[in-house]
Amino acid sequence: MIALPVVTGRWTHIACVAGATSMRFFVDGVLVAELSATTSLSTDATDPSLIGANSPTGNDNFIGAIDVLQIYNRELDADAICWAAQP
């Protein structure tokens, strides 16, 4: 688990890019963390990916509002993330 530098009380753009060997995390278009990852996101309905929680038991859920959620079938580069972060 990682903690992202998010300021509460204002709109924040958060992006996670899952690549073949790493996961990159962006806040307001700026890369803030990168982790090695050897697994891929699940597309199996019996093993769903979680958004706003870190376990299927419901512990440590996100408290707040998610205004827009976009999932792409390709890895976005840093320029695309920066463009998408513009309010």
Protein backbone atom coordinates (compact mmCIF):
# COMPACT_ATOMS: atom_id res chain seq x y z
CA MET A 1 0.00 0.00 0.00
CA ILE A 2 1.17 3.53 -0.72
CA ALA A 3 0.00 6.88 0.59
CA LEU A 4 -0.60 9.48 -2.11
CA PRO A 5 -0.02 13.19 -1.35
CA VAL A 6 -3.61 14.38 -1.70
CA VAL A 7 -4.94 17.66 -0.31
CA THR A 8 -8.42 17.26 1.14
CA GLY A 9 -11.21 19.70 0.39
CA ARG A 10 -10.34 20.32 -3.27
CA TRP A 11 -10.62 18.55 -6.61
CA THR A 12 -7.69 16.20 -7.21
CA HIS A 13 -6.87 14.12 -10.28
CA ILE A 14 -5.46 10.69 -9.39
CA ALA A 15 -4.28 8.21 -12.01
CA CYS A 16 -2.86 4.72 -11.77
CA VAL A 17 -1.19 3.17 -14.81
CA ALA A 18 -0.75 -0.61 -14.68
CA GLY A 19 2.02 -1.67 -17.05
CA ALA A 20 3.61 -5.04 -17.75
CA THR A 21 6.28 -4.61 -15.05
CA SER A 22 5.20 -1.66 -12.89
CA MET A 23 2.35 0.47 -11.58
CA ARG A 24 2.75 4.25 -11.75
CA PHE A 25 0.73 6.66 -9.62
CA PHE A 26 0.08 10.29 -10.59
CA VAL A 27 -1.48 13.14 -8.58
CA ASP A 28 -2.61 16.17 -10.59
CA GLY A 29 -0.53 14.97 -13.56
CA VAL A 30 2.72 14.51 -11.61
CA LEU A 31 4.30 11.08 -11.11
CA VAL A 32 4.48 10.52 -7.33
CA ALA A 33 5.21 6.79 -7.01
CA GLU A 34 6.17 3.75 -9.04
CA LEU A 35 6.06 0.16 -7.83
CA SER A 36 7.33 -3.02 -9.41
CA ALA A 37 4.42 -5.26 -10.33
CA THR A 38 4.48 -8.70 -11.82
CA THR A 39 0.73 -9.27 -11.85
CA SER A 40 -1.95 -7.90 -14.12
CA LEU A 41 -5.35 -6.45 -13.33
CA SER A 42 -8.08 -9.04 -13.29
CA THR A 43 -10.84 -9.04 -15.89
CA ASP A 44 -12.44 -12.13 -14.34
CA ALA A 45 -15.82 -11.41 -12.75
CA THR A 46 -15.06 -13.96 -10.01
CA ASP A 47 -11.89 -12.02 -9.05
CA PRO A 48 -12.89 -8.36 -9.45
CA SER A 49 -10.53 -5.39 -9.31
CA LEU A 50 -11.36 -3.03 -6.44
CA ILE A 51 -11.73 0.73 -6.72
CA GLY A 52 -11.79 2.64 -3.45
CA ALA A 53 -10.87 -0.35 -1.28
CA ASN A 54 -7.76 -2.40 -0.68
CA SER A 55 -9.42 -5.69 0.19
CA PRO A 56 -12.64 -7.51 -0.70
CA THR A 57 -13.58 -7.59 3.01
CA GLY A 58 -14.32 -3.86 2.93
CA ASN A 59 -11.52 -2.73 5.24
CA ASP A 60 -9.81 0.64 4.63
CA ASN A 61 -12.36 1.93 2.13
CA PHE A 62 -11.96 5.30 0.42
CA ILE A 63 -13.99 8.02 2.13
CA GLY A 64 -14.97 10.73 -0.32
CA ALA A 65 -16.50 11.11 -3.76
CA ILE A 66 -15.29 9.85 -7.11
CA ASP A 67 -16.56 12.21 -9.80
CA VAL A 68 -15.29 10.52 -12.97
CA LEU A 69 -13.81 7.05 -13.44
CA GLN A 70 -12.12 6.07 -16.69
CA ILE A 71 -10.55 2.69 -17.46
CA TYR A 72 -8.54 2.27 -20.65
CA ASN A 73 -7.51 -0.87 -22.49
CA ARG A 74 -4.01 0.50 -23.02
CA GLU A 75 -1.21 2.03 -20.94
CA LEU A 76 -1.31 5.85 -20.99
CA ASP A 77 1.97 7.76 -21.11
CA ALA A 78 2.88 10.65 -18.80
CA ASP A 79 1.81 13.28 -21.37
CA ALA A 80 -1.68 11.78 -21.64
CA ILE A 81 -2.00 11.67 -17.84
CA CYS A 82 -0.86 15.30 -17.56
CA TRP A 83 -3.41 16.38 -20.20
CA ALA A 84 -6.22 14.47 -18.47
CA ALA A 85 -5.36 16.10 -15.12
CA GLN A 86 -6.27 19.57 -16.38
CA PRO A 87 -9.48 20.79 -14.67
